Amino acid sequence: MLQSPPGNWFLINEQLVEGLGQAELLQSWSCPSEFQATLVLNSYESNCLRDWLSQRWLAKSLEQTCIFELEYSKLHVSRLMLANNVLDAKEKFELWLQAVLSDRAKAAQSRG
């Protein structure tokens, strides 16, 4: 997925995800059924780029995501979602965040 200019999206929801970082749900101005879920990883997780990239091929929650580095070496995980309305998008967003947390916990157990 290509990153669209920030002006094409507006913030619907944001929350802190314990152990990972800041999560945001954005909605497209031009296509109201298109949403973008983004996880801005904390400094510890941002230093684990190789691990996140390897997990991208193993973890179901990271399928169809874009993992990239932006300002101040912050790692971003982004996923495009389609939903009929904001309520459905928020539900998908929450489920995705829980799946990412679960997959990261499984990955940590397999390493340790």
Protein backbone atom coordinates (compact mmCIF):
# COMPACT_ATOMS: atom_id res chain seq x y z
CA MET A 1 0.00 0.00 0.00
CA LEU A 2 1.32 3.42 -0.86
CA GLN A 3 1.18 6.05 1.82
CA SER A 4 -1.27 8.80 0.89
CA PRO A 5 -0.66 12.43 1.79
CA PRO A 6 -1.91 13.22 5.31
CA GLY A 7 -4.44 15.70 3.92
CA ASN A 8 -6.44 12.86 2.36
CA TRP A 9 -7.16 11.22 5.73
CA PHE A 10 -8.71 12.34 8.99
CA LEU A 11 -8.33 10.87 12.45
CA ILE A 12 -11.22 8.75 13.75
CA ASN A 13 -9.62 7.12 16.79
CA GLU A 14 -6.29 6.97 18.59
CA GLN A 15 -5.14 4.99 21.57
CA LEU A 16 -2.08 3.77 23.38
CA VAL A 17 -1.34 0.08 22.88
CA GLU A 18 0.57 -1.15 25.91
CA GLY A 19 3.94 -2.58 24.99
CA LEU A 20 3.76 -1.49 21.34
CA GLY A 21 3.07 2.23 20.94
CA GLN A 22 0.42 4.59 19.60
CA ALA A 23 -2.40 3.34 17.33
CA GLU A 24 -4.45 5.51 14.99
CA LEU A 25 -7.47 4.86 12.81
CA LEU A 26 -7.86 7.22 9.86
CA GLN A 27 -10.70 7.59 7.36
CA SER A 28 -10.31 8.68 3.76
CA TRP A 29 -11.87 12.00 2.75
CA SER A 30 -12.42 10.85 -0.82
CA CYS A 31 -13.65 7.30 -0.12
CA PRO A 32 -15.61 7.04 3.17
CA SER A 33 -15.47 3.22 3.19
CA GLU A 34 -11.65 3.25 3.18
CA PHE A 35 -9.80 3.32 6.49
CA GLN A 36 -6.15 3.12 7.47
CA ALA A 37 -5.02 1.50 10.70
CA THR A 38 -1.57 2.64 11.79
CA LEU A 39 0.58 1.57 14.69
CA VAL A 40 3.47 3.93 15.54
CA LEU A 41 5.81 1.71 17.49
CA ASN A 42 7.54 2.80 20.69
CA SER A 43 11.32 3.24 20.73
CA TYR A 44 12.01 -0.35 21.86
CA GLU A 45 9.82 -1.90 19.15
CA SER A 46 11.13 0.58 16.55
CA ASN A 47 14.61 -0.87 17.13
CA CYS A 48 13.30 -4.32 16.15
CA LEU A 49 12.81 -3.68 12.42
CA ARG A 50 14.38 -6.99 11.37
CA ASP A 51 12.13 -8.87 13.78
CA TRP A 52 8.98 -7.06 12.58
CA LEU A 53 9.89 -7.74 8.95
CA SER A 54 10.48 -11.43 9.61
CA GLN A 55 7.22 -11.68 11.57
CA ARG A 56 5.38 -10.02 8.71
CA TRP A 57 5.66 -13.30 6.78
CA LEU A 58 4.64 -15.45 9.74
CA ALA A 59 1.96 -13.50 11.60
CA LYS A 60 -1.56 -13.41 10.18
CA SER A 61 -2.16 -9.96 11.74
CA LEU A 62 0.72 -8.48 9.72
CA GLU A 63 -0.47 -9.77 6.35
CA GLN A 64 -1.18 -6.96 3.89
CA THR A 65 0.60 -4.40 6.05
CA CYS A 66 3.18 -1.83 5.13
CA ILE A 67 6.09 -1.49 7.56
CA PHE A 68 8.14 1.66 7.16
CA GLU A 69 10.35 4.06 9.05
CA LEU A 70 9.47 7.73 9.40
CA GLU A 71 10.66 10.72 11.42
CA TYR A 72 12.97 10.17 14.37
CA SER A 73 13.49 6.51 13.39
CA LYS A 74 9.94 5.61 14.41
CA LEU A 75 8.68 2.41 12.85
CA HIS A 76 5.12 2.47 11.50
CA VAL A 77 2.92 -0.53 10.71
CA SER A 78 0.03 0.42 8.48
CA ARG A 79 -2.91 -1.51 7.06
CA LEU A 80 -5.69 -0.48 4.69
CA MET A 81 -9.18 -1.61 5.74
CA LEU A 82 -12.59 -1.38 4.11
CA ALA A 83 -15.71 -0.94 6.25
CA ASN A 84 -19.33 0.09 5.74
CA ASN A 85 -19.21 2.71 8.49
CA VAL A 86 -17.07 4.14 11.28
CA LEU A 87 -18.45 1.74 13.89
CA ASP A 88 -17.49 -1.29 11.79
CA ALA A 89 -14.07 0.23 11.13
CA LYS A 90 -13.45 0.77 14.86
CA GLU A 91 -14.39 -2.85 15.55
CA LYS A 92 -12.00 -4.10 12.83
CA PHE A 93 -9.32 -1.78 14.19
CA GLU A 94 -9.67 -3.18 17.73
CA LEU A 95 -9.59 -6.76 16.46
CA TRP A 96 -6.47 -6.02 14.42
CA LEU A 97 -4.68 -4.45 17.40
CA GLN A 98 -5.53 -7.46 19.59
CA ALA A 99 -4.28 -9.82 16.87
CA VAL A 100 -0.99 -7.89 16.55
CA LEU A 101 -0.49 -8.06 20.33
CA SER A 102 -1.22 -11.77 20.34
CA ASP A 103 1.13 -12.47 17.42
CA ARG A 104 3.93 -10.44 19.05
CA ALA A 105 3.49 -12.41 22.30
CA LYS A 106 3.68 -15.71 20.37
CA ALA A 107 6.81 -14.53 18.56
CA ALA A 108 8.46 -13.57 21.86
CA GLN A 109 7.65 -17.00 23.34
CA SER A 110 9.10 -18.80 20.32
CA ARG A 111 12.36 -16.83 20.65
CA GLY A 112 12.69 -17.25 24.38
